Amino acid sequence: MRATSGAGAAPAARPRTRRSLHTCVAAVCLATAATLLLGYHLGDRALHDFDEPLTGSRALAMLTNHEPLTVYFNGTPDYRKPPLNYWLIAVAYRLGGVSELTTRLPVAIAAALLLIALYRLGRWLTDPHA
């Protein structure tokens, strides 16, 4: 039975399907663009600079030593860095093997998720009806 709007009844709220559909399409387009831009030739080049090989070796040490709570640098424990990045890379190593792609993939996925989160935050801050 359909609700009628009488003197004491509150008007029924209209669903925001059109606006939510546009938001969903925009988020999918943003995620696709981020994946294409961040993932383009991700594993083609060798690890460079100082940070990438060091990060990969620390994650590999976590896997080989079977100690996921301790980060190692040159065989000694290093407690100066938080281990989340190394955990994600170690999971990528476990799933896809040790390579340049699996060293860079968790950071690229985190960057794409950050872009989507920033988009959602911007929509929330600028939409007066949210």
Protein backbone atom coordinates (compact mmCIF):
# COMPACT_ATOMS: atom_id res chain seq x y z
CA MET A 1 0.00 0.00 0.00
CA ARG A 2 1.25 3.44 -0.86
CA ALA A 3 1.74 6.05 1.84
CA THR A 4 -0.32 9.17 1.44
CA SER A 5 0.77 12.56 2.56
CA GLY A 6 -1.75 13.74 5.08
CA ALA A 7 -1.56 16.47 7.64
CA GLY A 8 0.55 14.44 10.07
CA ALA A 9 2.50 12.26 7.63
CA ALA A 10 6.01 13.13 6.51
CA PRO A 11 6.63 13.24 2.76
CA ALA A 12 8.37 10.17 1.36
CA ALA A 13 12.05 10.69 0.50
CA ARG A 14 12.97 10.34 -3.15
CA PRO A 15 15.83 7.98 -3.92
CA ARG A 16 18.97 9.64 -5.23
CA THR A 17 19.59 7.08 -7.95
CA ARG A 18 20.69 9.49 -10.68
CA ARG A 19 23.23 11.27 -8.48
CA SER A 20 24.58 8.04 -7.03
CA LEU A 21 24.83 6.56 -10.52
CA HIS A 22 26.92 9.53 -11.67
CA THR A 23 29.12 9.23 -8.58
CA CYS A 24 29.59 5.52 -9.17
CA VAL A 25 30.47 6.03 -12.85
CA ALA A 26 32.93 8.78 -11.95
CA ALA A 27 34.57 6.56 -9.32
CA VAL A 28 34.90 3.69 -11.80
CA CYS A 29 36.41 6.03 -14.41
CA LEU A 30 38.83 7.40 -11.83
CA ALA A 31 39.83 3.90 -10.73
CA THR A 32 40.36 2.83 -14.34
CA ALA A 33 42.46 5.89 -15.14
CA ALA A 34 44.52 5.45 -11.97
CA THR A 35 45.11 1.78 -12.75
CA LEU A 36 46.22 2.56 -16.29
CA LEU A 37 48.47 5.45 -15.30
CA LEU A 38 50.03 3.84 -12.24
CA GLY A 39 50.32 0.36 -13.71
CA TYR A 40 51.79 1.29 -17.09
CA HIS A 41 55.18 -0.48 -17.49
CA LEU A 42 55.24 -1.16 -13.77
CA GLY A 43 57.53 -4.17 -14.00
CA ASP A 44 59.52 -3.32 -17.13
CA ARG A 45 62.43 -1.45 -15.57
CA ALA A 46 64.90 -2.73 -13.03
CA LEU A 47 64.70 -1.51 -9.45
CA HIS A 48 66.55 1.79 -9.22
CA ASP A 49 67.83 4.30 -6.70
CA PHE A 50 68.44 3.18 -3.15
CA ASP A 51 64.91 2.71 -1.82
CA GLU A 52 63.38 0.13 -4.15
CA PRO A 53 66.02 -2.61 -3.80
CA LEU A 54 66.25 -1.96 -0.05
CA THR A 55 62.48 -2.23 0.37
CA GLY A 56 62.40 -5.41 -1.69
CA SER A 57 65.24 -7.00 0.26
CA ARG A 58 63.60 -6.17 3.59
CA ALA A 59 60.32 -7.77 2.46
CA LEU A 60 62.20 -10.79 1.15
CA ALA A 61 64.02 -11.11 4.48
CA MET A 62 60.66 -11.21 6.25
CA LEU A 63 59.63 -14.12 4.03
CA THR A 64 62.86 -16.09 4.26
CA ASN A 65 63.33 -15.60 8.02
CA HIS A 66 59.64 -16.38 8.75
CA GLU A 67 59.51 -13.38 11.07
CA PRO A 68 56.79 -11.02 9.84
CA LEU A 69 57.02 -8.68 12.82
CA THR A 70 60.71 -7.82 12.49
CA VAL A 71 62.21 -5.75 9.70
CA TYR A 72 65.84 -6.65 8.94
CA PHE A 73 68.55 -4.48 7.43
CA ASN A 74 71.93 -6.14 6.71
CA GLY A 75 70.99 -9.06 8.92
CA THR A 76 70.19 -6.98 12.01
CA PRO A 77 66.72 -5.97 13.20
CA ASP A 78 65.67 -2.46 12.20
CA TYR A 79 62.78 -1.02 14.21
CA ARG A 80 62.83 2.45 12.66
CA LYS A 81 60.37 1.67 9.84
CA PRO A 82 56.74 0.54 10.19
CA PRO A 83 56.28 -2.90 8.61
CA LEU A 84 52.99 -2.42 6.68
CA ASN A 85 54.68 -1.68 3.35
CA TYR A 86 56.98 -4.66 3.78
CA TRP A 87 54.04 -6.91 4.68
CA LEU A 88 52.20 -5.91 1.50
CA ILE A 89 55.27 -6.51 -0.65
CA ALA A 90 55.88 -9.86 1.08
CA VAL A 91 52.29 -10.90 0.29
CA ALA A 92 52.85 -9.86 -3.33
CA TYR A 93 56.08 -11.90 -3.38
CA ARG A 94 54.23 -14.89 -1.98
CA LEU A 95 51.42 -14.61 -4.56
CA GLY A 96 53.37 -13.60 -7.66
CA GLY A 97 57.01 -14.42 -7.04
CA VAL A 98 59.90 -12.03 -6.53
CA SER A 99 60.11 -9.50 -9.37
CA GLU A 100 60.14 -5.79 -10.09
CA LEU A 101 56.39 -5.88 -10.71
CA THR A 102 55.54 -7.46 -7.37
CA THR A 103 57.85 -5.03 -5.57
CA ARG A 104 56.04 -2.01 -7.01
CA LEU A 105 52.48 -3.37 -7.21
CA PRO A 106 51.35 -2.83 -3.58
CA VAL A 107 52.40 0.82 -3.66
CA ALA A 108 50.60 1.36 -6.98
CA ILE A 109 47.42 -0.22 -5.59
CA ALA A 110 47.66 1.94 -2.47
CA ALA A 111 48.06 5.06 -4.64
CA ALA A 112 44.97 4.14 -6.69
CA LEU A 113 42.95 3.58 -3.50
CA LEU A 114 44.18 6.92 -2.16
CA LEU A 115 42.95 8.67 -5.31
CA ILE A 116 39.51 7.12 -4.89
CA ALA A 117 39.44 8.09 -1.21
CA LEU A 118 40.40 11.68 -2.06
CA TYR A 119 37.65 11.79 -4.71
CA ARG A 120 35.10 10.57 -2.16
CA LEU A 121 36.33 13.10 0.40
CA GLY A 122 36.07 15.90 -2.15
CA ARG A 123 32.53 14.86 -3.06
CA TRP A 124 31.59 14.72 0.60
CA LEU A 125 33.05 18.16 1.33
CA THR A 126 31.48 19.90 -1.68
CA ASP A 127 28.07 18.19 -1.80
CA PRO A 128 25.61 20.07 0.42
CA HIS A 129 23.12 17.17 0.38
CA ALA A 130 25.55 14.44 1.55
